[in-house]
C-alpha atoms as a PDB file:
ATOM      1  CA  UNK A   1      -7.132   1.663  -3.875  1.00  0.00           C
ATOM      2  CA  UNK A   2      -8.716   5.076  -4.339  1.00  0.00           C
ATOM      3  CA  UNK A   3      -8.101   7.971  -1.959  1.00  0.00           C
ATOM      4  CA  UNK A   4     -11.759   8.233  -0.992  1.00  0.00           C
ATOM      5  CA  UNK A   5     -11.664   4.567   0.046  1.00  0.00           C
ATOM      6  CA  UNK A   6      -8.521   5.157   2.083  1.00  0.00           C
ATOM      7  CA  UNK A   7     -10.028   8.137   3.932  1.00  0.00           C
ATOM      8  CA  UNK A   8     -13.038   6.022   4.904  1.00  0.00           C
ATOM      9  CA  UNK A   9     -10.848   3.459   6.727  1.00  0.00           C
ATOM     10  CA  UNK A  10      -9.981   3.707  10.415  1.00  0.00           C
ATOM     11  CA  UNK A  11      -6.367   4.076  11.519  1.00  0.00           C
ATOM     12  CA  UNK A  12      -6.174   0.441  12.640  1.00  0.00           C
ATOM     13  CA  UNK A  13      -7.564  -0.693   9.300  1.00  0.00           C
ATOM     14  CA  UNK A  14      -5.000   1.486   7.505  1.00  0.00           C
ATOM     15  CA  UNK A  15      -2.142  -0.118   9.401  1.00  0.00           C
ATOM     16  CA  UNK A  16      -3.483  -3.599   8.658  1.00  0.00           C
ATOM     17  CA  UNK A  17      -3.895  -2.711   4.983  1.00  0.00           C
ATOM     18  CA  UNK A  18      -0.296  -1.457   4.844  1.00  0.00           C
ATOM     19  CA  UNK A  19       0.930  -4.796   6.199  1.00  0.00           C
ATOM     20  CA  UNK A  20      -1.082  -6.668   3.576  1.00  0.00           C
ATOM     21  CA  UNK A  21       0.093  -4.453   0.711  1.00  0.00           C
ATOM     22  CA  UNK A  22       3.736  -4.701   1.790  1.00  0.00           C
ATOM     23  CA  UNK A  23       3.558  -8.494   1.875  1.00  0.00           C
ATOM     24  CA  UNK A  24       1.970  -8.497  -1.592  1.00  0.00           C
ATOM     25  CA  UNK A  25       4.713  -6.154  -2.819  1.00  0.00           C
ATOM     26  CA  UNK A  26       7.423  -8.416  -1.429  1.00  0.00           C
ATOM     27  CA  UNK A  27       5.900 -11.454  -3.136  1.00  0.00           C
ATOM     28  CA  UNK A  28       5.564  -9.595  -6.436  1.00  0.00           C
ATOM     29  CA  UNK A  29       9.187  -8.448  -6.322  1.00  0.00           C
ATOM     30  CA  UNK A  30      10.421 -11.936  -5.504  1.00  0.00           C
ATOM     31  CA  UNK A  31       8.369 -13.520  -8.268  1.00  0.00           C
ATOM     32  CA  UNK A  32       9.571 -10.898 -10.729  1.00  0.00           C
ATOM     33  CA  UNK A  33      13.196 -11.555  -9.771  1.00  0.00           C
ATOM     34  CA  UNK A  34      12.861 -15.284 -10.353  1.00  0.00           C
ATOM     35  CA  UNK A  35      10.874 -15.047 -13.560  1.00  0.00           C
ATOM     36  CA  UNK A  36       9.331 -11.976 -15.197  1.00  0.00           C
ATOM     37  CA  UNK A  37       5.732 -11.561 -14.122  1.00  0.00           C
ATOM     38  CA  UNK A  38       3.034 -11.055 -16.701  1.00  0.00           C
ATOM     39  CA  UNK A  39       2.162  -7.507 -15.645  1.00  0.00           C
ATOM     40  CA  UNK A  40       5.072  -5.707 -13.916  1.00  0.00           C
ATOM     41  CA  UNK A  41       2.971  -2.569 -13.498  1.00  0.00           C
ATOM     42  CA  UNK A  42       1.321  -4.347 -10.546  1.00  0.00           C
ATOM     43  CA  UNK A  43       4.559  -3.720  -8.629  1.00  0.00           C
ATOM     44  CA  UNK A  44       4.311   0.013  -9.229  1.00  0.00           C
ATOM     45  CA  UNK A  45       0.615   0.141  -8.360  1.00  0.00           C
ATOM     46  CA  UNK A  46       1.171  -1.763  -5.123  1.00  0.00           C
ATOM     47  CA  UNK A  47       4.071   0.495  -4.152  1.00  0.00           C
ATOM     48  CA  UNK A  48       1.938   3.582  -4.783  1.00  0.00           C
ATOM     49  CA  UNK A  49      -0.896   2.094  -2.762  1.00  0.00           C
ATOM     50  CA  UNK A  50       1.436   1.609   0.215  1.00  0.00           C
ATOM     51  CA  UNK A  51       2.554   5.222  -0.131  1.00  0.00           C
ATOM     52  CA  UNK A  52      -1.040   6.482  -0.217  1.00  0.00           C
ATOM     53  CA  UNK A  53      -1.886   4.543   2.931  1.00  0.00           C
ATOM     54  CA  UNK A  54       1.221   5.789   4.733  1.00  0.00           C
ATOM     55  CA  UNK A  55       0.466   9.361   3.685  1.00  0.00           C
ATOM     56  CA  UNK A  56      -3.031   9.144   5.151  1.00  0.00           C
ATOM     57  CA  UNK A  57      -1.664   7.864   8.469  1.00  0.00           C
ATOM     58  CA  UNK A  58       0.881  10.703   8.561  1.00  0.00           C
ATOM     59  CA  UNK A  59      -1.825  13.242   7.752  1.00  0.00           C
ATOM     60  CA  UNK A  60      -4.003  11.941  10.589  1.00  0.00           C
ATOM     61  CA  UNK A  61      -1.100  12.011  13.048  1.00  0.00           C
ATOM     62  CA  UNK A  62      -0.308  15.620  12.189  1.00  0.00           C
ATOM     63  CA  UNK A  63      -3.978  16.619  12.441  1.00  0.00           C
ATOM     64  CA  UNK A  64      -4.312  15.104  15.907  1.00  0.00           C
ATOM     65  CA  UNK A  65      -1.379  17.126  17.313  1.00  0.00           C
END
């Protein structure tokens, strides 16, 4: 997910998206543990996506104070 797409989301949507991405990340990690997945870079991309979303929420919280 691109940063410009993340900025366009509301805070509630960001929190929902984080939940979705974390569940995807958990499934990817579990599948990779059992048997190597075809593209392990998906794990890294998903982890970075979660971090981008969390960073945007933190930035908004600091701006509102």
